[in-house]
Amino acid sequence: MILCKVIGTLVATQKDRELRPAKLLIVKPINLDGSFRNEREIIVIDTQDAGEGDMVLVAQEGAVVEQVMQSDKVPANTIVMAVVDGFDVLER
């Protein structure tokens, strides 16, 4: 899973039938300190009601998308698994 921040929403006037029940978001991977990583933005399916500015956990695995969306016909491989309220990092 990847820790990301929601930076926008994606609006589509027409979507594949399997994507219609879900909202699409634009996220960017972040470091544990909240700074953006030097990686590309990702378009994800949102089933957790995340919004702009939220920190989220994103899975990039087609099988996970199939399980969460309860369909093997979803044309996507990234999905929001959780909205992160906070976390602690233990130093070693």
Protein backbone atom coordinates (compact mmCIF):
# COMPACT_ATOMS: atom_id res chain seq x y z
CA MET A 1 0.00 0.00 0.00
CA ILE A 2 1.04 3.58 -0.62
CA LEU A 3 0.45 6.57 1.65
CA CYS A 4 -0.97 9.40 -0.46
CA LYS A 5 -2.68 12.78 -0.24
CA VAL A 6 -5.80 13.58 -2.25
CA ILE A 7 -5.02 16.55 -4.50
CA GLY A 8 -8.15 16.60 -6.64
CA THR A 9 -11.16 14.88 -8.08
CA LEU A 10 -11.68 13.54 -11.56
CA VAL A 11 -15.03 14.21 -13.20
CA ALA A 12 -16.09 12.09 -16.16
CA THR A 13 -19.34 12.61 -18.04
CA GLN A 14 -19.18 9.00 -19.18
CA LYS A 15 -17.63 6.10 -17.30
CA ASP A 16 -17.40 2.38 -17.74
CA ARG A 17 -20.45 0.73 -16.18
CA GLU A 18 -18.31 -0.91 -13.48
CA LEU A 19 -16.93 2.48 -12.39
CA ARG A 20 -20.27 4.32 -12.17
CA PRO A 21 -20.90 3.65 -8.45
CA ALA A 22 -17.48 5.01 -7.46
CA LYS A 23 -15.91 8.45 -7.23
CA LEU A 24 -12.52 8.98 -8.91
CA LEU A 25 -9.78 10.92 -7.15
CA ILE A 26 -6.31 12.21 -8.03
CA VAL A 27 -3.72 11.41 -5.37
CA LYS A 28 0.00 11.97 -4.97
CA PRO A 29 2.31 9.73 -2.88
CA ILE A 30 3.71 11.33 0.29
CA ASN A 31 6.53 10.65 2.74
CA LEU A 32 5.88 9.95 6.42
CA ASP A 33 6.53 13.63 7.20
CA GLY A 34 3.71 14.63 4.83
CA SER A 35 5.94 15.98 2.05
CA PHE A 36 5.19 14.92 -1.52
CA ARG A 37 7.39 12.21 -3.02
CA ASN A 38 8.95 12.78 -6.41
CA GLU A 39 6.46 10.49 -8.15
CA ARG A 40 3.59 10.93 -10.58
CA GLU A 41 0.02 11.53 -9.55
CA ILE A 42 -2.31 8.51 -9.51
CA ILE A 43 -5.99 8.26 -10.42
CA VAL A 44 -7.79 6.02 -7.92
CA ILE A 45 -11.25 4.62 -7.26
CA ASP A 46 -12.64 5.97 -3.98
CA THR A 47 -15.09 3.87 -1.99
CA GLN A 48 -14.17 5.43 1.38
CA ASP A 49 -15.59 8.93 0.81
CA ALA A 50 -12.20 10.66 0.89
CA GLY A 51 -11.93 14.30 -0.06
CA GLU A 52 -9.36 16.83 -1.18
CA GLY A 53 -6.58 17.19 1.38
CA ASP A 54 -7.23 13.81 3.03
CA MET A 55 -4.39 11.38 3.66
CA VAL A 56 -5.28 7.93 2.27
CA LEU A 57 -3.89 4.43 1.89
CA VAL A 58 -3.95 3.30 -1.74
CA ALA A 59 -3.64 -0.28 -2.98
CA GLN A 60 -2.22 -0.84 -6.45
CA GLU A 61 -3.36 -4.37 -7.12
CA GLY A 62 -6.06 -5.50 -9.52
CA ALA A 63 -7.16 -8.38 -7.28
CA VAL A 64 -7.78 -5.96 -4.39
CA VAL A 65 -9.92 -3.74 -6.63
CA GLU A 66 -11.92 -6.77 -7.74
CA GLN A 67 -12.57 -7.80 -4.12
CA VAL A 68 -13.57 -4.36 -2.89
CA MET A 69 -15.72 -3.56 -5.92
CA GLN A 70 -17.11 -7.14 -5.93
CA SER A 71 -16.53 -7.48 -9.66
CA ASP A 72 -13.82 -8.95 -11.85
CA LYS A 73 -14.74 -6.54 -14.66
CA VAL A 74 -13.55 -3.25 -13.09
CA PRO A 75 -11.05 -1.67 -15.52
CA ALA A 76 -8.73 -0.32 -12.82
CA ASN A 77 -5.95 -1.42 -10.50
CA THR A 78 -5.80 1.34 -7.86
CA ILE A 79 -8.24 1.96 -5.03
CA VAL A 80 -8.46 3.90 -1.77
CA MET A 81 -8.45 1.39 1.09
CA ALA A 82 -8.62 3.82 4.03
CA VAL A 83 -8.76 7.47 5.02
CA VAL A 84 -5.88 7.97 7.46
CA ASP A 85 -6.70 10.04 10.54
CA GLY A 86 -3.20 9.81 11.96
CA PHE A 87 -0.25 7.52 12.61
CA ASP A 88 2.79 7.13 14.85
CA VAL A 89 6.24 6.15 13.68
CA LEU A 90 8.43 4.34 16.20
CA GLU A 91 12.10 5.22 15.89
CA ARG A 92 14.64 2.43 16.26
